[in-house]
C-alpha atoms as a PDB file:
ATOM      1  CA  UNK A   1     -23.201  40.842 -38.966  1.00  0.00           C
ATOM      2  CA  UNK A   2     -25.214  42.644 -36.314  1.00  0.00           C
ATOM      3  CA  UNK A   3     -28.837  42.990 -37.456  1.00  0.00           C
ATOM      4  CA  UNK A   4     -31.925  44.421 -35.785  1.00  0.00           C
ATOM      5  CA  UNK A   5     -32.993  40.867 -34.971  1.00  0.00           C
ATOM      6  CA  UNK A   6     -29.671  40.208 -33.218  1.00  0.00           C
ATOM      7  CA  UNK A   7     -30.074  43.418 -31.218  1.00  0.00           C
ATOM      8  CA  UNK A   8     -33.634  42.501 -30.191  1.00  0.00           C
ATOM      9  CA  UNK A   9     -32.393  39.066 -29.165  1.00  0.00           C
ATOM     10  CA  UNK A  10     -29.661  40.603 -26.982  1.00  0.00           C
ATOM     11  CA  UNK A  11     -32.194  42.760 -25.127  1.00  0.00           C
ATOM     12  CA  UNK A  12     -34.492  39.743 -24.654  1.00  0.00           C
ATOM     13  CA  UNK A  13     -31.717  37.348 -23.666  1.00  0.00           C
ATOM     14  CA  UNK A  14     -30.193  39.737 -21.112  1.00  0.00           C
ATOM     15  CA  UNK A  15     -33.112  41.691 -19.590  1.00  0.00           C
ATOM     16  CA  UNK A  16     -31.518  41.987 -16.131  1.00  0.00           C
ATOM     17  CA  UNK A  17     -28.207  43.111 -14.734  1.00  0.00           C
ATOM     18  CA  UNK A  18     -25.606  40.461 -14.023  1.00  0.00           C
ATOM     19  CA  UNK A  19     -26.041  39.061 -10.503  1.00  0.00           C
ATOM     20  CA  UNK A  20     -22.534  40.245  -9.677  1.00  0.00           C
ATOM     21  CA  UNK A  21     -19.492  41.603 -11.425  1.00  0.00           C
ATOM     22  CA  UNK A  22     -17.984  38.129 -11.165  1.00  0.00           C
ATOM     23  CA  UNK A  23     -20.686  36.847 -13.535  1.00  0.00           C
ATOM     24  CA  UNK A  24     -19.472  39.154 -16.315  1.00  0.00           C
ATOM     25  CA  UNK A  25     -16.886  37.760 -18.724  1.00  0.00           C
ATOM     26  CA  UNK A  26     -14.360  40.550 -18.144  1.00  0.00           C
ATOM     27  CA  UNK A  27     -11.516  38.367 -19.451  1.00  0.00           C
ATOM     28  CA  UNK A  28     -13.297  38.116 -22.801  1.00  0.00           C
ATOM     29  CA  UNK A  29     -13.682  41.882 -22.914  1.00  0.00           C
ATOM     30  CA  UNK A  30     -10.012  42.522 -22.206  1.00  0.00           C
ATOM     31  CA  UNK A  31      -8.817  39.724 -24.512  1.00  0.00           C
ATOM     32  CA  UNK A  32     -10.940  40.787 -27.476  1.00  0.00           C
ATOM     33  CA  UNK A  33     -10.941  44.617 -27.361  1.00  0.00           C
ATOM     34  CA  UNK A  34      -9.157  45.713 -24.177  1.00  0.00           C
ATOM     35  CA  UNK A  35      -5.984  47.123 -25.727  1.00  0.00           C
ATOM     36  CA  UNK A  36      -7.631  48.394 -28.913  1.00  0.00           C
ATOM     37  CA  UNK A  37     -10.181  50.467 -26.982  1.00  0.00           C
ATOM     38  CA  UNK A  38      -7.951  51.321 -23.990  1.00  0.00           C
ATOM     39  CA  UNK A  39     -10.337  49.692 -21.520  1.00  0.00           C
ATOM     40  CA  UNK A  40      -9.611  50.019 -17.816  1.00  0.00           C
ATOM     41  CA  UNK A  41     -11.535  49.413 -14.609  1.00  0.00           C
ATOM     42  CA  UNK A  42     -11.626  52.062 -11.888  1.00  0.00           C
ATOM     43  CA  UNK A  43     -11.862  50.014  -8.689  1.00  0.00           C
ATOM     44  CA  UNK A  44     -12.621  53.087  -6.554  1.00  0.00           C
ATOM     45  CA  UNK A  45     -15.743  54.036  -8.524  1.00  0.00           C
ATOM     46  CA  UNK A  46     -16.553  50.504  -9.778  1.00  0.00           C
ATOM     47  CA  UNK A  47     -16.622  51.749 -13.393  1.00  0.00           C
ATOM     48  CA  UNK A  48     -15.508  50.381 -16.743  1.00  0.00           C
ATOM     49  CA  UNK A  49     -13.709  53.115 -18.686  1.00  0.00           C
ATOM     50  CA  UNK A  50     -13.628  52.889 -22.481  1.00  0.00           C
ATOM     51  CA  UNK A  51     -10.769  55.082 -23.727  1.00  0.00           C
ATOM     52  CA  UNK A  52     -11.877  55.009 -27.374  1.00  0.00           C
ATOM     53  CA  UNK A  53     -15.098  56.838 -26.461  1.00  0.00           C
ATOM     54  CA  UNK A  54     -15.010  60.608 -25.954  1.00  0.00           C
ATOM     55  CA  UNK A  55     -14.707  61.427 -22.218  1.00  0.00           C
ATOM     56  CA  UNK A  56     -17.711  63.775 -22.586  1.00  0.00           C
ATOM     57  CA  UNK A  57     -19.934  60.870 -23.632  1.00  0.00           C
ATOM     58  CA  UNK A  58     -22.116  59.100 -21.069  1.00  0.00           C
ATOM     59  CA  UNK A  59     -20.781  55.826 -22.508  1.00  0.00           C
ATOM     60  CA  UNK A  60     -17.142  56.624 -21.654  1.00  0.00           C
ATOM     61  CA  UNK A  61     -17.609  55.398 -18.062  1.00  0.00           C
ATOM     62  CA  UNK A  62     -20.027  52.543 -17.376  1.00  0.00           C
ATOM     63  CA  UNK A  63     -20.917  51.449 -13.880  1.00  0.00           C
ATOM     64  CA  UNK A  64     -20.030  47.748 -13.699  1.00  0.00           C
ATOM     65  CA  UNK A  65     -23.192  46.967 -11.765  1.00  0.00           C
ATOM     66  CA  UNK A  66     -25.286  48.308 -14.696  1.00  0.00           C
ATOM     67  CA  UNK A  67     -23.838  45.893 -17.244  1.00  0.00           C
ATOM     68  CA  UNK A  68     -26.138  43.009 -18.167  1.00  0.00           C
ATOM     69  CA  UNK A  69     -23.686  40.998 -20.297  1.00  0.00           C
ATOM     70  CA  UNK A  70     -20.577  41.023 -22.465  1.00  0.00           C
ATOM     71  CA  UNK A  71     -21.204  39.156 -25.717  1.00  0.00           C
ATOM     72  CA  UNK A  72     -18.626  38.354 -28.431  1.00  0.00           C
ATOM     73  CA  UNK A  73     -19.355  38.420 -32.158  1.00  0.00           C
ATOM     74  CA  UNK A  74     -17.084  37.862 -35.134  1.00  0.00           C
ATOM     75  CA  UNK A  75     -16.127  41.533 -35.619  1.00  0.00           C
ATOM     76  CA  UNK A  76     -17.587  43.134 -32.487  1.00  0.00           C
ATOM     77  CA  UNK A  77     -17.851  42.731 -28.744  1.00  0.00           C
ATOM     78  CA  UNK A  78     -21.135  43.919 -27.251  1.00  0.00           C
ATOM     79  CA  UNK A  79     -21.636  45.413 -23.808  1.00  0.00           C
ATOM     80  CA  UNK A  80     -25.328  45.021 -23.070  1.00  0.00           C
ATOM     81  CA  UNK A  81     -27.017  47.544 -20.775  1.00  0.00           C
ATOM     82  CA  UNK A  82     -30.698  48.061 -19.934  1.00  0.00           C
ATOM     83  CA  UNK A  83     -31.548  50.529 -22.700  1.00  0.00           C
ATOM     84  CA  UNK A  84     -28.447  50.483 -24.864  1.00  0.00           C
ATOM     85  CA  UNK A  85     -25.736  48.287 -26.292  1.00  0.00           C
ATOM     86  CA  UNK A  86     -22.152  49.431 -26.817  1.00  0.00           C
ATOM     87  CA  UNK A  87     -20.486  47.611 -29.723  1.00  0.00           C
ATOM     88  CA  UNK A  88     -16.677  47.709 -29.769  1.00  0.00           C
ATOM     89  CA  UNK A  89     -14.957  46.717 -33.008  1.00  0.00           C
ATOM     90  CA  UNK A  90     -12.222  44.082 -32.715  1.00  0.00           C
ATOM     91  CA  UNK A  91     -10.230  45.395 -35.718  1.00  0.00           C
ATOM     92  CA  UNK A  92     -10.218  49.149 -35.023  1.00  0.00           C
ATOM     93  CA  UNK A  93     -11.248  51.752 -32.454  1.00  0.00           C
ATOM     94  CA  UNK A  94     -14.656  52.001 -34.095  1.00  0.00           C
ATOM     95  CA  UNK A  95     -17.556  52.122 -31.633  1.00  0.00           C
ATOM     96  CA  UNK A  96     -21.259  51.770 -32.377  1.00  0.00           C
ATOM     97  CA  UNK A  97     -23.993  52.406 -29.852  1.00  0.00           C
ATOM     98  CA  UNK A  98     -27.557  51.178 -30.128  1.00  0.00           C
ATOM     99  CA  UNK A  99     -30.206  53.009 -28.114  1.00  0.00           C
ATOM    100  CA  UNK A 100     -33.325  51.001 -27.350  1.00  0.00           C
ATOM    101  CA  UNK A 101     -36.386  52.826 -28.685  1.00  0.00           C
ATOM    102  CA  UNK A 102     -38.849  54.018 -26.080  1.00  0.00           C
ATOM    103  CA  UNK A 103     -42.157  52.207 -26.074  1.00  0.00           C
ATOM    104  CA  UNK A 104     -45.143  54.550 -25.896  1.00  0.00           C
ATOM    105  CA  UNK A 105     -47.035  54.327 -22.622  1.00  0.00           C
ATOM    106  CA  UNK A 106     -50.710  53.380 -22.471  1.00  0.00           C
ATOM    107  CA  UNK A 107     -51.548  57.053 -21.952  1.00  0.00           C
ATOM    108  CA  UNK A 108     -49.540  58.048 -25.038  1.00  0.00           C
ATOM    109  CA  UNK A 109     -51.293  55.391 -27.124  1.00  0.00           C
ATOM    110  CA  UNK A 110     -54.727  56.535 -25.929  1.00  0.00           C
ATOM    111  CA  UNK A 111     -53.870  60.155 -26.719  1.00  0.00           C
ATOM    112  CA  UNK A 112     -52.783  59.062 -30.194  1.00  0.00           C
ATOM    113  CA  UNK A 113     -56.058  57.249 -30.796  1.00  0.00           C
ATOM    114  CA  UNK A 114     -58.184  60.210 -29.729  1.00  0.00           C
ATOM    115  CA  UNK A 115     -56.087  62.802 -31.587  1.00  0.00           C
ATOM    116  CA  UNK A 116     -56.665  61.136 -34.960  1.00  0.00           C
END
Protein backbone atom coordinates (compact mmCIF):
# COMPACT_ATOMS: atom_id res chain seq x y z
CA UNK A 1 0.00 0.00 0.00
CA UNK A 2 1.30 3.43 -0.93
CA UNK A 3 0.99 5.78 2.06
CA UNK A 4 2.01 9.40 2.59
CA UNK A 5 5.06 8.14 4.47
CA UNK A 6 6.09 6.00 1.48
CA UNK A 7 5.68 9.00 -0.82
CA UNK A 8 7.78 11.22 1.46
CA UNK A 9 10.43 8.51 1.57
CA UNK A 10 10.53 8.33 -2.24
CA UNK A 11 11.12 12.08 -2.52
CA UNK A 12 13.85 11.91 0.15
CA UNK A 13 15.49 8.79 -1.24
CA UNK A 14 15.60 10.11 -4.82
CA UNK A 15 16.15 13.89 -4.55
CA UNK A 16 18.23 14.13 -7.75
CA UNK A 17 17.88 13.02 -11.33
CA UNK A 18 19.52 9.76 -12.33
CA UNK A 19 23.13 10.34 -13.39
CA UNK A 20 22.27 8.94 -16.81
CA UNK A 21 19.47 7.12 -18.53
CA UNK A 22 21.51 3.94 -18.15
CA UNK A 23 21.10 4.20 -14.36
CA UNK A 24 17.31 3.90 -14.66
CA UNK A 25 15.82 0.42 -14.45
CA UNK A 26 13.98 0.64 -17.77
CA UNK A 27 13.76 -3.16 -18.01
CA UNK A 28 11.77 -3.21 -14.77
CA UNK A 29 9.42 -0.57 -16.14
CA UNK A 30 8.77 -2.47 -19.35
CA UNK A 31 8.53 -5.86 -17.61
CA UNK A 32 6.09 -4.70 -14.94
CA UNK A 33 3.78 -2.21 -16.73
CA UNK A 34 5.12 -1.69 -20.26
CA UNK A 35 2.40 -3.50 -22.21
CA UNK A 36 -0.44 -2.62 -19.84
CA UNK A 37 0.26 1.12 -20.11
CA UNK A 38 1.51 1.12 -23.73
CA UNK A 39 4.89 2.56 -22.75
CA UNK A 40 7.32 3.50 -25.50
CA UNK A 41 10.52 5.52 -25.73
CA UNK A 42 10.93 8.18 -28.40
CA UNK A 43 14.67 8.11 -29.13
CA UNK A 44 14.52 11.31 -31.21
CA UNK A 45 13.10 13.42 -28.36
CA UNK A 46 14.53 11.31 -25.50
CA UNK A 47 11.05 10.95 -23.96
CA UNK A 48 9.15 8.18 -22.21
CA UNK A 49 5.60 8.03 -23.58
CA UNK A 50 2.87 6.56 -21.38
CA UNK A 51 -0.04 5.56 -23.63
CA UNK A 52 -2.51 5.07 -20.77
CA UNK A 53 -2.28 8.77 -19.89
CA UNK A 54 -4.27 11.29 -21.94
CA UNK A 55 -2.03 12.85 -24.64
CA UNK A 56 -3.14 16.31 -23.42
CA UNK A 57 -1.64 15.64 -19.99
CA UNK A 58 1.85 16.88 -19.14
CA UNK A 59 2.53 13.39 -17.77
CA UNK A 60 1.90 11.66 -21.12
CA UNK A 61 5.47 12.40 -22.28
CA UNK A 62 8.28 12.48 -19.72
CA UNK A 63 11.78 13.57 -20.59
CA UNK A 64 14.04 10.65 -19.64
CA UNK A 65 16.65 12.99 -18.21
CA UNK A 66 14.05 14.32 -15.70
CA UNK A 67 13.33 10.92 -14.17
CA UNK A 68 14.92 10.37 -10.76
CA UNK A 69 14.05 6.67 -10.33
CA UNK A 70 11.75 3.81 -11.25
CA UNK A 71 10.60 1.97 -8.13
CA UNK A 72 8.51 -1.24 -8.01
CA UNK A 73 5.82 -1.94 -5.42
CA UNK A 74 3.45 -4.86 -5.04
CA UNK A 75 0.59 -3.35 -7.08
CA UNK A 76 2.26 -0.26 -8.58
CA UNK A 77 5.38 0.91 -10.34
CA UNK A 78 6.46 4.45 -9.46
CA UNK A 79 8.23 6.90 -11.74
CA UNK A 80 9.81 9.45 -9.44
CA UNK A 81 10.32 13.00 -10.72
CA UNK A 82 11.41 16.17 -8.89
CA UNK A 83 7.97 17.41 -7.85
CA UNK A 84 5.71 14.50 -8.74
CA UNK A 85 5.43 10.75 -8.80
CA UNK A 86 3.56 8.82 -11.49
CA UNK A 87 2.16 5.53 -10.17
CA UNK A 88 1.26 2.93 -12.81
CA UNK A 89 -0.92 0.03 -11.71
CA UNK A 90 0.36 -3.46 -12.57
CA UNK A 91 -3.14 -5.00 -12.83
CA UNK A 92 -4.96 -2.38 -14.93
CA UNK A 93 -4.43 0.85 -16.85
CA UNK A 94 -5.10 2.83 -13.68
CA UNK A 95 -2.71 5.74 -13.14
CA UNK A 96 -2.27 7.83 -10.01
CA UNK A 97 -0.18 10.98 -9.84
CA UNK A 98 1.13 12.57 -6.68
CA UNK A 99 2.06 16.25 -6.82
CA UNK A 100 4.55 17.39 -4.20
CA UNK A 101 3.05 20.23 -2.16
CA UNK A 102 4.79 23.57 -2.48
CA UNK A 103 6.63 24.71 0.61
CA UNK A 104 5.93 28.33 1.51
CA UNK A 105 8.93 30.60 1.06
CA UNK A 106 10.42 32.59 3.93
CA UNK A 107 8.69 35.69 2.56
CA UNK A 108 5.33 33.90 2.48
CA UNK A 109 5.78 32.72 6.07
CA UNK A 110 6.70 36.23 7.24
CA UNK A 111 3.66 37.69 5.46
CA UNK A 112 1.50 35.07 7.18
CA UNK A 113 2.87 35.99 10.60
CA UNK A 114 2.28 39.71 10.12
CA UNK A 115 -1.18 39.29 8.56
CA UNK A 116 -2.56 37.50 11.62
